[in-house]
Every structure is written in C-alpha cells, then in structure tokens.
C-alpha cells in the first residue's frame, strides 16, 4: 500500500507539464467508449488500449457481468450504463473478458464459490443458470475456460441489448457493441466480429 500512497503524493508534480490537459477535464467528459471489464486487478483497460484520461467511461464488475434489464431494479451497473448512453452518449460499448477469470471459474465449478454467498448471488446474474435455484449451467460452452469466457462475454452483450436505451441507439445506428477478450499473460486482445461468435486478434 505504501507504494500507492507515495505515487499519489507525487502525482501532481509528475503531471505538472500536462496541467492544461488535466484542467480541461474539469469542464466535462466526452469519453470515446463505455468499457465494461472485470474488477480483476490484472486487467487495466488503459494499459492495453492506451486510453488517456477522459477516453474511457469504465464500469468494472466481478466477471464483467451485466444483469439483464429490469425496469424496477436499483442496480449500479444499470445506472452507470444509462448515464453513459443517455447523458454521455457514448458511441461504443466494449465488454471485455479475460483469461484466468475467477468469476468464470465460479460459473464453471460452483463449489469454488460455495463459501461466498454474495459472490454466488452476483454470478447468478451472468445468465448461465437453468433458472430459479437450480444448479448453475454453462451448457453448450464446453469446459475450455477460454471458450467459456468468450461465450460469457457474448451473453453479456445480449444482456446489454435488453436495455431500452441501448436498443434505441442500436436501432438508429448511433451505438456499436464490441466483445473483447484480454489474455493476461501475453497482453493479446481478441475481438468478435459482428454476426460472428468467433474471437480473432484485433
């Protein structure tokens, strides 16, 4: 923790030559994209996208999960999504999964999160359950963690489409959805082309 504290203390000095850029940020934000990624500490979107302050509106959740739209739900994910689409009017939304994702491992092997009731409830929103309180399912995804993670990302994209504000902007051509997969050990980023379910290098 001490290294983080020291970095924060010296940050104003280290950006002194960029004061104009940072001062401009105080007047508002116009991010290029809403970037939905996992809370995992190994996944740093600005590191592999080269994003500068103000470029990405980030939404990080365990397993980059986007619950399906529920009109009366009080949900931080839904609120952040609505703000990004309705107020910031982002033109692109990226859902980015990653290798070695603990949430996906929990979806594949429920026993690994048996002692974590809050995590188990959150993972139920991933959209891979058979329904109700039945055992979790990753049917049709196989047991390859990479394939399961990539298909999980596509499921979250399907959930995004259930939000009326997203659906409206998609239908008018003002919004694009992207499915990405980040490999922690190599830094490789794969993407799924529209209309496909196969991930290939960007």
N, C-alpha and C. Protein backbone atom coordinates (compact mmCIF):
# COMPACT_ATOMS: atom_id res chain seq x y z
N UNK A 1 0.82 -1.21 0.00
CA UNK A 1 0.00 0.00 0.00
C UNK A 1 0.85 1.26 0.00
N UNK A 2 2.02 1.20 0.63
CA UNK A 2 2.85 2.39 0.75
C UNK A 2 3.28 2.92 -0.61
N UNK A 3 3.55 2.02 -1.55
CA UNK A 3 3.96 2.48 -2.88
C UNK A 3 2.82 3.25 -3.56
N UNK A 4 1.58 2.82 -3.32
CA UNK A 4 0.44 3.53 -3.90
C UNK A 4 0.30 4.92 -3.29
N UNK A 5 0.53 5.00 -1.99
CA UNK A 5 0.46 6.30 -1.30
C UNK A 5 1.52 7.25 -1.83
N UNK A 6 2.74 6.76 -1.97
CA UNK A 6 3.84 7.61 -2.46
C UNK A 6 3.56 8.09 -3.88
N UNK A 7 3.01 7.21 -4.69
CA UNK A 7 2.70 7.59 -6.07
C UNK A 7 1.65 8.71 -6.08
N UNK A 8 0.63 8.56 -5.22
CA UNK A 8 -0.42 9.59 -5.15
C UNK A 8 0.14 10.93 -4.68
N UNK A 9 1.07 10.90 -3.76
CA UNK A 9 1.67 12.12 -3.23
C UNK A 9 2.45 12.87 -4.30
N UNK A 10 3.15 12.14 -5.15
CA UNK A 10 4.00 12.78 -6.16
C UNK A 10 3.31 13.00 -7.49
N UNK A 11 2.06 12.53 -7.62
CA UNK A 11 1.35 12.61 -8.89
C UNK A 11 1.22 14.04 -9.42
N UNK A 12 0.81 15.02 -8.60
CA UNK A 12 0.69 16.39 -9.13
C UNK A 12 1.99 16.92 -9.72
N UNK A 13 3.11 16.58 -9.10
CA UNK A 13 4.40 17.04 -9.61
C UNK A 13 4.72 16.39 -10.94
N UNK A 14 4.42 15.09 -11.05
CA UNK A 14 4.78 14.35 -12.26
C UNK A 14 3.93 14.73 -13.46
N UNK A 15 2.76 15.32 -13.23
CA UNK A 15 1.92 15.73 -14.37
C UNK A 15 1.92 17.24 -14.56
N UNK A 16 2.87 17.90 -13.93
CA UNK A 16 2.89 19.37 -13.99
C UNK A 16 2.97 19.91 -15.41
N UNK A 17 3.62 19.15 -16.31
CA UNK A 17 3.74 19.61 -17.69
C UNK A 17 2.46 19.33 -18.49
N UNK A 18 1.50 18.63 -17.89
CA UNK A 18 0.24 18.33 -18.57
C UNK A 18 -0.93 19.03 -17.89
N UNK A 19 -0.65 20.09 -17.18
CA UNK A 19 -1.70 20.76 -16.42
C UNK A 19 -2.85 21.23 -17.29
N UNK A 20 -2.55 21.69 -18.49
CA UNK A 20 -3.60 22.17 -19.39
C UNK A 20 -4.56 21.04 -19.75
N UNK A 21 -3.99 19.87 -20.03
CA UNK A 21 -4.81 18.71 -20.39
C UNK A 21 -5.72 18.32 -19.22
N UNK A 22 -5.17 18.29 -18.02
CA UNK A 22 -5.97 17.89 -16.87
C UNK A 22 -6.98 18.98 -16.50
N UNK A 23 -6.61 20.24 -16.67
CA UNK A 23 -7.55 21.32 -16.39
C UNK A 23 -8.76 21.25 -17.30
N UNK A 24 -8.55 20.85 -18.53
CA UNK A 24 -9.65 20.74 -19.49
C UNK A 24 -10.67 19.70 -19.04
N UNK A 25 -10.21 18.66 -18.37
CA UNK A 25 -11.10 17.60 -17.90
C UNK A 25 -12.11 18.12 -16.88
N UNK A 26 -11.78 19.20 -16.21
CA UNK A 26 -12.68 19.75 -15.20
C UNK A 26 -13.96 20.33 -15.82
N UNK A 27 -13.94 20.55 -17.14
CA UNK A 27 -15.09 21.16 -17.81
C UNK A 27 -16.10 20.13 -18.31
N UNK A 28 -15.80 18.85 -18.12
CA UNK A 28 -16.74 17.82 -18.55
C UNK A 28 -16.01 16.67 -19.22
N UNK A 29 -16.79 15.66 -19.56
CA UNK A 29 -16.19 14.48 -20.19
C UNK A 29 -16.95 14.09 -21.45
N UNK A 30 -16.19 13.61 -22.42
CA UNK A 30 -16.75 13.08 -23.66
C UNK A 30 -16.00 11.80 -24.01
N UNK A 31 -16.19 10.74 -23.24
CA UNK A 31 -15.44 9.51 -23.48
C UNK A 31 -15.75 8.88 -24.83
N UNK A 32 -14.75 8.22 -25.37
CA UNK A 32 -14.93 7.53 -26.65
C UNK A 32 -15.83 6.31 -26.50
N UNK A 33 -15.76 5.66 -25.34
CA UNK A 33 -16.49 4.40 -25.17
C UNK A 33 -16.80 4.14 -23.71
N UNK A 34 -17.85 3.36 -23.50
CA UNK A 34 -18.10 2.74 -22.21
C UNK A 34 -17.36 1.41 -22.25
N UNK A 35 -16.48 1.19 -21.28
CA UNK A 35 -15.65 -0.01 -21.26
C UNK A 35 -16.03 -0.83 -20.04
N UNK A 36 -16.67 -1.97 -20.26
CA UNK A 36 -17.12 -2.84 -19.18
C UNK A 36 -16.13 -3.99 -19.05
N UNK A 37 -15.45 -4.05 -17.92
CA UNK A 37 -14.45 -5.09 -17.72
C UNK A 37 -14.56 -5.65 -16.31
N UNK A 38 -13.76 -6.66 -16.05
CA UNK A 38 -13.77 -7.33 -14.76
C UNK A 38 -13.04 -6.49 -13.72
N UNK A 39 -13.39 -6.70 -12.46
CA UNK A 39 -12.73 -6.00 -11.36
C UNK A 39 -11.31 -6.52 -11.11
N UNK A 40 -10.94 -7.59 -11.76
CA UNK A 40 -9.64 -8.24 -11.56
C UNK A 40 -8.50 -7.23 -11.64
N UNK A 41 -7.61 -7.27 -10.66
CA UNK A 41 -6.51 -6.30 -10.58
C UNK A 41 -5.52 -6.43 -11.73
N UNK A 42 -5.53 -7.56 -12.43
CA UNK A 42 -4.59 -7.77 -13.55
C UNK A 42 -5.08 -7.15 -14.85
N UNK A 43 -6.32 -6.69 -14.85
CA UNK A 43 -6.93 -6.14 -16.06
C UNK A 43 -6.99 -4.62 -15.93
N UNK A 44 -6.17 -3.93 -16.72
CA UNK A 44 -6.10 -2.47 -16.65
C UNK A 44 -6.40 -1.94 -18.06
N UNK A 45 -7.64 -1.59 -18.34
CA UNK A 45 -8.01 -1.20 -19.71
C UNK A 45 -7.13 -0.11 -20.32
N UNK A 46 -6.78 0.91 -19.54
CA UNK A 46 -5.98 1.99 -20.11
C UNK A 46 -4.58 1.51 -20.49
N UNK A 47 -4.12 0.44 -19.86
CA UNK A 47 -2.79 -0.09 -20.15
C UNK A 47 -2.73 -0.69 -21.54
N UNK A 48 -3.77 -1.50 -21.90
CA UNK A 48 -3.69 -2.16 -23.21
C UNK A 48 -4.45 -1.42 -24.31
N UNK A 49 -5.21 -0.38 -23.96
CA UNK A 49 -5.85 0.43 -25.00
C UNK A 49 -5.11 1.74 -25.26
N UNK A 50 -4.23 2.11 -24.33
CA UNK A 50 -3.55 3.39 -24.47
C UNK A 50 -4.45 4.57 -24.19
N UNK A 51 -5.57 4.32 -23.50
CA UNK A 51 -6.54 5.40 -23.23
C UNK A 51 -5.94 6.46 -22.32
N UNK A 52 -6.25 7.70 -22.64
CA UNK A 52 -5.85 8.84 -21.83
C UNK A 52 -7.00 9.21 -20.89
N UNK A 53 -6.76 10.01 -19.86
CA UNK A 53 -7.85 10.46 -19.02
C UNK A 53 -8.96 11.10 -19.86
N UNK A 54 -10.18 10.66 -19.63
CA UNK A 54 -11.31 11.18 -20.39
C UNK A 54 -11.71 10.31 -21.57
N UNK A 55 -10.89 9.32 -21.93
CA UNK A 55 -11.19 8.49 -23.10
C UNK A 55 -12.20 7.38 -22.82
N UNK A 56 -12.12 6.79 -21.62
CA UNK A 56 -12.97 5.65 -21.30
C UNK A 56 -13.85 5.95 -20.10
N UNK A 57 -15.12 5.63 -20.22
CA UNK A 57 -16.02 5.61 -19.07
C UNK A 57 -16.04 4.16 -18.61
N UNK A 58 -15.38 3.86 -17.51
CA UNK A 58 -15.17 2.48 -17.10
C UNK A 58 -16.25 1.99 -16.13
N UNK A 59 -16.67 0.76 -16.37
CA UNK A 59 -17.60 0.07 -15.48
C UNK A 59 -17.00 -1.29 -15.20
N UNK A 60 -16.61 -1.51 -13.94
CA UNK A 60 -15.93 -2.76 -13.60
C UNK A 60 -16.78 -3.54 -12.59
N UNK A 61 -17.02 -4.78 -12.93
CA UNK A 61 -17.79 -5.66 -12.06
C UNK A 61 -17.09 -7.02 -12.01
N UNK A 62 -17.35 -7.79 -10.97
CA UNK A 62 -16.80 -9.14 -10.90
C UNK A 62 -17.32 -9.93 -12.10
N UNK A 63 -16.40 -10.41 -12.93
CA UNK A 63 -16.79 -11.18 -14.10
C UNK A 63 -17.37 -10.37 -15.24
N UNK A 64 -17.18 -9.05 -15.24
CA UNK A 64 -17.75 -8.15 -16.25
C UNK A 64 -19.21 -8.51 -16.56
N UNK A 65 -19.96 -8.77 -15.50
CA UNK A 65 -21.36 -9.18 -15.64
C UNK A 65 -22.26 -7.95 -15.81
N UNK A 66 -23.17 -8.05 -16.76
CA UNK A 66 -24.20 -7.03 -16.98
C UNK A 66 -25.55 -7.73 -16.79
N UNK A 67 -26.21 -7.52 -15.66
CA UNK A 67 -27.53 -8.16 -15.48
C UNK A 67 -28.50 -7.72 -16.57
N UNK A 68 -29.41 -8.59 -16.93
CA UNK A 68 -30.45 -8.22 -17.88
C UNK A 68 -31.27 -7.07 -17.33
N UNK A 69 -31.88 -6.31 -18.23
CA UNK A 69 -32.68 -5.15 -17.84
C UNK A 69 -33.86 -5.56 -16.97
N UNK A 70 -34.04 -4.84 -15.88
CA UNK A 70 -35.20 -5.00 -15.01
C UNK A 70 -35.69 -3.59 -14.68
N UNK A 71 -36.88 -3.27 -15.07
CA UNK A 71 -37.38 -1.90 -15.00
C UNK A 71 -37.34 -1.30 -13.60
N UNK A 72 -37.59 -2.10 -12.57
CA UNK A 72 -37.68 -1.55 -11.22
C UNK A 72 -36.45 -1.86 -10.38
N UNK A 73 -35.41 -2.36 -10.98
CA UNK A 73 -34.23 -2.75 -10.21
C UNK A 73 -33.36 -1.54 -9.90
N UNK A 74 -32.88 -1.48 -8.65
CA UNK A 74 -31.89 -0.48 -8.27
C UNK A 74 -30.53 -1.14 -8.42
N UNK A 75 -29.83 -0.82 -9.47
CA UNK A 75 -28.61 -1.54 -9.83
C UNK A 75 -27.54 -0.55 -10.29
N UNK A 76 -26.36 -0.62 -9.68
CA UNK A 76 -25.28 0.28 -10.04
C UNK A 76 -24.83 0.10 -11.48
N UNK A 77 -24.87 -1.15 -11.97
CA UNK A 77 -24.49 -1.40 -13.36
C UNK A 77 -25.48 -0.73 -14.30
N UNK A 78 -26.78 -0.92 -14.04
CA UNK A 78 -27.81 -0.33 -14.90
C UNK A 78 -27.73 1.19 -14.87
N UNK A 79 -27.51 1.77 -13.68
CA UNK A 79 -27.42 3.22 -13.57
C UNK A 79 -26.24 3.78 -14.33
N UNK A 80 -25.09 3.12 -14.21
CA UNK A 80 -23.89 3.57 -14.93
C UNK A 80 -24.08 3.46 -16.43
N UNK A 81 -24.72 2.36 -16.86
CA UNK A 81 -24.99 2.16 -18.28
C UNK A 81 -25.92 3.24 -18.81
N UNK A 82 -26.98 3.52 -18.08
CA UNK A 82 -27.93 4.54 -18.50
C UNK A 82 -27.25 5.90 -18.62
N UNK A 83 -26.40 6.25 -17.65
CA UNK A 83 -25.70 7.53 -17.69
C UNK A 83 -24.78 7.62 -18.90
N UNK A 84 -24.04 6.54 -19.15
CA UNK A 84 -23.11 6.55 -20.29
C UNK A 84 -23.83 6.71 -21.61
N UNK A 85 -24.97 6.04 -21.75
CA UNK A 85 -25.70 6.06 -23.02
C UNK A 85 -26.56 7.32 -23.18
N UNK A 86 -27.29 7.67 -22.13
CA UNK A 86 -28.24 8.77 -22.22
C UNK A 86 -27.61 10.15 -22.07
N UNK A 87 -26.65 10.26 -21.14
CA UNK A 87 -26.06 11.57 -20.86
C UNK A 87 -24.77 11.77 -21.64
N UNK A 88 -23.85 10.82 -21.53
CA UNK A 88 -22.57 10.97 -22.22
C UNK A 88 -22.67 10.62 -23.71
N UNK A 89 -23.71 9.88 -24.07
CA UNK A 89 -23.97 9.49 -25.46
C UNK A 89 -22.75 8.83 -26.10
N UNK A 90 -22.20 7.84 -25.40
CA UNK A 90 -21.07 7.10 -25.96
C UNK A 90 -21.52 6.43 -27.26
N UNK A 91 -20.61 6.31 -28.18
CA UNK A 91 -20.94 5.69 -29.47
C UNK A 91 -20.54 4.23 -29.51
N UNK A 92 -19.77 3.78 -28.52
CA UNK A 92 -19.31 2.40 -28.49
C UNK A 92 -19.34 1.86 -27.06
N UNK A 93 -19.71 0.59 -26.93
CA UNK A 93 -19.64 -0.12 -25.65
C UNK A 93 -18.82 -1.38 -25.86
N UNK A 94 -17.80 -1.55 -25.05
CA UNK A 94 -16.95 -2.74 -25.10
C UNK A 94 -17.21 -3.56 -23.83
N UNK A 95 -17.48 -4.84 -24.01
CA UNK A 95 -17.47 -5.77 -22.88
C UNK A 95 -16.22 -6.62 -23.04
N UNK A 96 -15.34 -6.56 -22.06
CA UNK A 96 -14.04 -7.22 -22.17
C UNK A 96 -13.86 -8.26 -21.08
N UNK A 97 -13.82 -9.52 -21.47
CA UNK A 97 -13.49 -10.60 -20.55
C UNK A 97 -11.99 -10.84 -20.57
N UNK A 98 -11.54 -11.77 -19.75
CA UNK A 98 -10.09 -12.00 -19.70
C UNK A 98 -9.77 -13.43 -19.28
N UNK A 99 -8.54 -13.83 -19.52
CA UNK A 99 -8.08 -15.16 -19.14
C UNK A 99 -7.99 -15.28 -17.62
N UNK A 100 -8.12 -16.50 -17.13
CA UNK A 100 -7.97 -16.80 -15.70
C UNK A 100 -8.96 -16.02 -14.84
N UNK A 101 -10.17 -15.85 -15.32
CA UNK A 101 -11.19 -15.08 -14.60
C UNK A 101 -11.79 -15.92 -13.48
N UNK A 102 -11.68 -15.44 -12.26
CA UNK A 102 -12.21 -16.16 -11.11
C UNK A 102 -13.72 -16.31 -11.16
N UNK A 103 -14.41 -15.29 -11.68
CA UNK A 103 -15.87 -15.37 -11.79
C UNK A 103 -16.29 -16.47 -12.75
N UNK A 104 -15.60 -16.58 -13.87
CA UNK A 104 -15.92 -17.64 -14.83
C UNK A 104 -15.61 -19.00 -14.23
N UNK A 105 -14.52 -19.10 -13.49
CA UNK A 105 -14.22 -20.36 -12.81
C UNK A 105 -15.34 -20.72 -11.84
N UNK A 106 -15.90 -19.69 -11.17
CA UNK A 106 -17.03 -19.94 -10.29
C UNK A 106 -18.27 -20.40 -11.03
N UNK A 107 -18.47 -19.89 -12.25
CA UNK A 107 -19.60 -20.33 -13.07
C UNK A 107 -19.42 -21.77 -13.53
N UNK A 108 -18.18 -22.15 -13.81
CA UNK A 108 -17.90 -23.49 -14.30
C UNK A 108 -17.90 -24.52 -13.17
N UNK A 109 -17.43 -24.08 -11.99
CA UNK A 109 -17.33 -25.00 -10.84
C UNK A 109 -17.90 -24.30 -9.62
N UNK A 110 -19.18 -24.51 -9.38
CA UNK A 110 -19.88 -23.81 -8.31
C UNK A 110 -19.24 -24.03 -6.95
N UNK A 111 -18.60 -25.17 -6.76
CA UNK A 111 -18.02 -25.47 -5.44
C UNK A 111 -16.91 -24.49 -5.07
N UNK A 112 -16.30 -23.83 -6.06
CA UNK A 112 -15.21 -22.89 -5.75
C UNK A 112 -15.71 -21.62 -5.07
N UNK A 113 -17.01 -21.35 -5.18
CA UNK A 113 -17.58 -20.16 -4.52
C UNK A 113 -18.68 -20.54 -3.54
N UNK A 114 -18.70 -21.80 -3.15
CA UNK A 114 -19.73 -22.30 -2.24
C UNK A 114 -19.76 -21.52 -0.93
N UNK A 115 -18.59 -21.07 -0.48
CA UNK A 115 -18.47 -20.37 0.80
C UNK A 115 -18.61 -18.86 0.66
N UNK A 116 -18.98 -18.39 -0.54
CA UNK A 116 -19.11 -16.95 -0.82
C UNK A 116 -20.53 -16.65 -1.28
N UNK A 117 -21.47 -16.54 -0.35
CA UNK A 117 -22.88 -16.38 -0.75
C UNK A 117 -23.16 -15.14 -1.58
N UNK A 118 -22.48 -14.03 -1.28
CA UNK A 118 -22.72 -12.81 -2.05
C UNK A 118 -22.20 -12.95 -3.47
N UNK A 119 -21.05 -13.59 -3.62
CA UNK A 119 -20.49 -13.84 -4.96
C UNK A 119 -21.42 -14.76 -5.74
N UNK A 120 -21.92 -15.80 -5.07
CA UNK A 120 -22.81 -16.74 -5.75
C UNK A 120 -24.07 -16.02 -6.27
N UNK A 121 -24.61 -15.12 -5.46
CA UNK A 121 -25.81 -14.39 -5.89
C UNK A 121 -25.49 -13.48 -7.07
N UNK A 122 -24.33 -12.85 -7.05
CA UNK A 122 -23.95 -11.98 -8.15
C UNK A 122 -23.77 -12.78 -9.44
N UNK A 123 -23.11 -13.93 -9.34
CA UNK A 123 -22.86 -14.75 -10.53
C UNK A 123 -24.16 -15.27 -11.14
N UNK A 124 -25.20 -15.34 -10.33
CA UNK A 124 -26.50 -15.78 -10.86
C UNK A 124 -27.01 -14.85 -11.94
N UNK A 125 -26.55 -13.58 -11.93
CA UNK A 125 -26.99 -12.61 -12.95
C UNK A 125 -26.23 -12.76 -14.27
N UNK A 126 -25.27 -13.69 -14.32
CA UNK A 126 -24.47 -13.85 -15.54
C UNK A 126 -25.27 -14.41 -16.71
N UNK A 127 -26.42 -15.04 -16.39
CA UNK A 127 -27.27 -15.52 -17.47
C UNK A 127 -27.01 -16.94 -17.90
N UNK A 128 -26.27 -17.71 -17.09
CA UNK A 128 -25.95 -19.08 -17.48
C UNK A 128 -26.65 -20.11 -16.61
N UNK A 129 -27.59 -19.68 -15.76
CA UNK A 129 -28.30 -20.62 -14.89
C UNK A 129 -29.51 -21.18 -15.61
N UNK A 130 -29.87 -22.39 -15.20
CA UNK A 130 -31.03 -23.03 -15.81
C UNK A 130 -32.32 -22.35 -15.37
N UNK A 131 -32.25 -21.61 -14.24
CA UNK A 131 -33.42 -20.89 -13.74
C UNK A 131 -33.67 -21.20 -12.28
N UNK A 132 -34.24 -20.24 -11.59
CA UNK A 132 -34.55 -20.44 -10.17
C UNK A 132 -33.31 -20.75 -9.36
N UNK A 133 -33.41 -21.74 -8.49
CA UNK A 133 -32.29 -22.13 -7.66
C UNK A 133 -31.64 -23.42 -8.14
N UNK A 134 -31.87 -23.75 -9.40
CA UNK A 134 -31.26 -24.95 -9.94
C UNK A 134 -29.75 -24.76 -10.06
N UNK A 135 -28.98 -25.85 -10.14
CA UNK A 135 -27.52 -25.73 -10.27
C UNK A 135 -27.15 -24.89 -11.49
N UNK A 136 -26.02 -24.23 -11.40
CA UNK A 136 -25.58 -23.36 -12.49
C UNK A 136 -25.25 -24.18 -13.72
N UNK A 137 -25.45 -23.56 -14.85
CA UNK A 137 -25.22 -24.26 -16.10
C UNK A 137 -24.31 -23.43 -17.00
N UNK A 138 -23.41 -24.10 -17.69
CA UNK A 138 -22.68 -23.47 -18.80
C UNK A 138 -22.86 -24.41 -20.00
N UNK A 139 -24.12 -24.81 -20.21
CA UNK A 139 -24.43 -25.78 -21.25
C UNK A 139 -24.03 -25.26 -22.62
N UNK A 140 -23.47 -26.16 -23.42
CA UNK A 140 -23.11 -25.80 -24.77
C UNK A 140 -21.81 -25.03 -24.87
N UNK A 141 -21.21 -24.71 -23.74
CA UNK A 141 -19.97 -23.93 -23.78
C UNK A 141 -18.75 -24.81 -23.64
N UNK A 142 -18.93 -26.09 -23.30
CA UNK A 142 -17.79 -26.97 -23.09
C UNK A 142 -17.11 -26.68 -21.77
N UNK A 143 -15.89 -27.18 -21.62
CA UNK A 143 -15.16 -26.98 -20.38
C UNK A 143 -13.84 -26.25 -20.59
N UNK A 144 -13.62 -25.71 -21.77
CA UNK A 144 -12.41 -24.93 -22.04
C UNK A 144 -12.62 -23.53 -21.47
N UNK A 145 -11.82 -23.11 -20.48
CA UNK A 145 -12.04 -21.80 -19.85
C UNK A 145 -12.03 -20.63 -20.83
N UNK A 146 -11.20 -20.71 -21.86
CA UNK A 146 -11.15 -19.62 -22.84
C UNK A 146 -12.47 -19.52 -23.59
N UNK A 147 -12.96 -20.66 -24.07
CA UNK A 147 -14.23 -20.66 -24.81
C UNK A 147 -15.38 -20.24 -23.92
N UNK A 148 -15.38 -20.73 -22.68
CA UNK A 148 -16.46 -20.37 -21.76
C UNK A 148 -16.45 -18.87 -21.50
N UNK A 149 -15.26 -18.30 -21.28
CA UNK A 149 -15.16 -16.87 -21.01
C UNK A 149 -15.62 -16.05 -22.20
N UNK A 150 -15.22 -16.45 -23.39
CA UNK A 150 -15.61 -15.71 -24.59
C UNK A 150 -17.12 -15.77 -24.82
N UNK A 151 -17.71 -16.93 -24.62
CA UNK A 151 -19.16 -17.04 -24.79
C UNK A 151 -19.89 -16.27 -23.68
N UNK A 152 -19.29 -16.24 -22.51
CA UNK A 152 -19.84 -15.46 -21.40
C UNK A 152 -19.88 -13.97 -21.77
N UNK A 153 -18.84 -13.47 -22.42
CA UNK A 153 -18.81 -12.08 -22.87
C UNK A 153 -19.96 -11.82 -23.85
N UNK A 154 -20.18 -12.74 -24.77
CA UNK A 154 -21.25 -12.56 -25.75
C UNK A 154 -22.62 -12.57 -25.08
N UNK A 155 -22.77 -13.34 -24.01
CA UNK A 155 -24.02 -13.34 -23.26
C UNK A 155 -24.26 -11.97 -22.62
N UNK A 156 -23.19 -11.36 -22.11
CA UNK A 156 -23.35 -10.03 -21.51
C UNK A 156 -23.72 -9.00 -22.58
N UNK A 157 -23.23 -9.17 -23.80
CA UNK A 157 -23.64 -8.29 -24.90
C UNK A 157 -25.14 -8.45 -25.18
N UNK A 158 -25.62 -9.70 -25.12
CA UNK A 158 -27.05 -9.94 -25.28
C UNK A 158 -27.84 -9.24 -24.18
N UNK A 159 -27.31 -9.26 -22.95
CA UNK A 159 -27.98 -8.57 -21.85
C UNK A 159 -28.04 -7.07 -22.11
N UNK A 160 -26.96 -6.51 -22.65
CA UNK A 160 -26.95 -5.07 -22.96
C UNK A 160 -28.09 -4.72 -23.91
N UNK A 161 -28.35 -5.57 -24.86
CA UNK A 161 -29.39 -5.29 -25.86
C UNK A 161 -30.79 -5.27 -25.24
N UNK A 162 -30.93 -5.81 -24.03
CA UNK A 162 -32.24 -5.81 -23.37
C UNK A 162 -32.59 -4.46 -22.76
N UNK A 163 -31.63 -3.54 -22.67
CA UNK A 163 -31.89 -2.22 -22.09
C UNK A 163 -32.51 -1.32 -23.17
N UNK A 164 -33.65 -0.72 -22.89
CA UNK A 164 -34.32 0.11 -23.91
C UNK A 164 -33.43 1.22 -24.47
N UNK A 165 -32.65 1.89 -23.61
CA UNK A 165 -31.81 2.99 -24.11
C UNK A 165 -30.74 2.48 -25.07
N UNK A 166 -30.24 1.28 -24.81
CA UNK A 166 -29.25 0.67 -25.71
C UNK A 166 -29.92 0.24 -27.00
N UNK A 167 -31.07 -0.42 -26.88
CA UNK A 167 -31.79 -0.90 -28.07
C UNK A 167 -32.14 0.24 -29.01
N UNK A 168 -32.58 1.36 -28.44
CA UNK A 168 -32.95 2.50 -29.29
C UNK A 168 -31.75 3.02 -30.07
N UNK A 169 -30.63 3.16 -29.40
CA UNK A 169 -29.45 3.71 -30.08
C UNK A 169 -28.85 2.71 -31.07
N UNK A 170 -28.97 1.44 -30.77
CA UNK A 170 -28.52 0.43 -31.73
C UNK A 170 -29.36 0.48 -33.00
N UNK A 171 -30.68 0.59 -32.83
CA UNK A 171 -31.58 0.59 -33.98
C UNK A 171 -31.40 1.82 -34.86
N UNK A 172 -30.95 2.93 -34.24
CA UNK A 172 -30.75 4.15 -35.01
C UNK A 172 -29.31 4.27 -35.55
N UNK A 173 -28.49 3.27 -35.26
CA UNK A 173 -27.11 3.27 -35.76
C UNK A 173 -26.17 4.19 -35.01
N UNK A 174 -26.59 4.64 -33.82
CA UNK A 174 -25.76 5.57 -33.05
C UNK A 174 -24.90 4.87 -32.00
N UNK A 175 -24.97 3.55 -31.96
CA UNK A 175 -24.23 2.81 -30.95
C UNK A 175 -23.73 1.49 -31.53
N UNK A 176 -22.51 1.13 -31.17
CA UNK A 176 -21.92 -0.15 -31.58
C UNK A 176 -21.49 -0.92 -30.33
N UNK A 177 -21.68 -2.25 -30.38
CA UNK A 177 -21.27 -3.11 -29.27
C UNK A 177 -20.07 -3.94 -29.70
N UNK A 178 -19.14 -4.14 -28.77
CA UNK A 178 -17.91 -4.88 -29.06
C UNK A 178 -17.66 -5.92 -27.97
N UNK A 179 -17.27 -7.11 -28.38
CA UNK A 179 -16.89 -8.18 -27.45
C UNK A 179 -15.39 -8.41 -27.55
N UNK A 180 -14.68 -8.21 -26.45
CA UNK A 180 -13.23 -8.39 -26.41
C UNK A 180 -12.84 -9.46 -25.39
N UNK A 181 -11.65 -10.02 -25.63
CA UNK A 181 -11.07 -10.98 -24.69
C UNK A 181 -9.59 -10.65 -24.53
N UNK A 182 -9.20 -10.39 -23.28
CA UNK A 182 -7.81 -10.00 -22.98
C UNK A 182 -7.07 -11.17 -22.35
N UNK A 183 -5.88 -11.46 -22.87
CA UNK A 183 -5.05 -12.54 -22.34
C UNK A 183 -4.01 -11.95 -21.39
N UNK A 184 -4.16 -12.26 -20.11
CA UNK A 184 -3.33 -11.64 -19.07
C UNK A 184 -1.84 -11.90 -19.31
N UNK A 185 -1.49 -13.13 -19.66
CA UNK A 185 -0.07 -13.50 -19.71
C UNK A 185 0.67 -12.99 -20.95
N UNK A 186 -0.06 -12.66 -22.01
CA UNK A 186 0.60 -12.20 -23.24
C UNK A 186 0.25 -10.77 -23.62
N UNK A 187 -0.88 -10.26 -23.10
CA UNK A 187 -1.33 -8.94 -23.50
C UNK A 187 -2.13 -8.94 -24.78
N UNK A 188 -2.35 -10.10 -25.38
CA UNK A 188 -3.12 -10.18 -26.62
C UNK A 188 -4.59 -9.82 -26.37
N UNK A 189 -5.17 -9.11 -27.31
CA UNK A 189 -6.59 -8.76 -27.25
C UNK A 189 -7.28 -9.34 -28.48
N UNK A 190 -8.31 -10.13 -28.23
CA UNK A 190 -9.10 -10.71 -29.31
C UNK A 190 -10.46 -10.03 -29.33
N UNK A 191 -11.09 -10.03 -30.50
CA UNK A 191 -12.41 -9.42 -30.64
C UNK A 191 -13.29 -10.32 -31.48
N UNK A 192 -14.59 -10.19 -31.24
CA UNK A 192 -15.57 -10.97 -32.00
C UNK A 192 -16.24 -10.05 -33.01
N UNK A 193 -16.15 -10.40 -34.27
CA UNK A 193 -16.75 -9.57 -35.32
C UNK A 193 -18.26 -9.64 -35.24
N UNK A 194 -18.96 -8.55 -35.60
CA UNK A 194 -20.44 -8.57 -35.60
C UNK A 194 -20.97 -9.72 -36.44
N UNK A 195 -21.95 -10.41 -35.91
CA UNK A 195 -22.55 -11.52 -36.63
C UNK A 195 -21.80 -12.83 -36.48
N UNK A 196 -20.68 -12.80 -35.77
CA UNK A 196 -19.88 -14.00 -35.55
C UNK A 196 -19.86 -14.32 -34.07
N UNK A 197 -19.43 -15.53 -33.72
CA UNK A 197 -19.23 -15.89 -32.32
C UNK A 197 -17.80 -16.36 -32.10
N UNK A 198 -16.94 -16.08 -33.09
CA UNK A 198 -15.53 -16.47 -33.00
C UNK A 198 -14.67 -15.25 -32.70
N UNK A 199 -13.74 -15.41 -31.78
CA UNK A 199 -12.85 -14.32 -31.41
C UNK A 199 -11.54 -14.44 -32.17
N UNK A 200 -11.10 -13.31 -32.74
CA UNK A 200 -9.87 -13.28 -33.51
C UNK A 200 -9.06 -12.05 -33.11
N UNK A 201 -7.74 -12.04 -33.38
CA UNK A 201 -6.92 -10.88 -32.99
C UNK A 201 -7.46 -9.60 -33.59
N UNK A 202 -7.38 -8.51 -32.80
CA UNK A 202 -7.84 -7.20 -33.28
C UNK A 202 -7.12 -6.80 -34.56
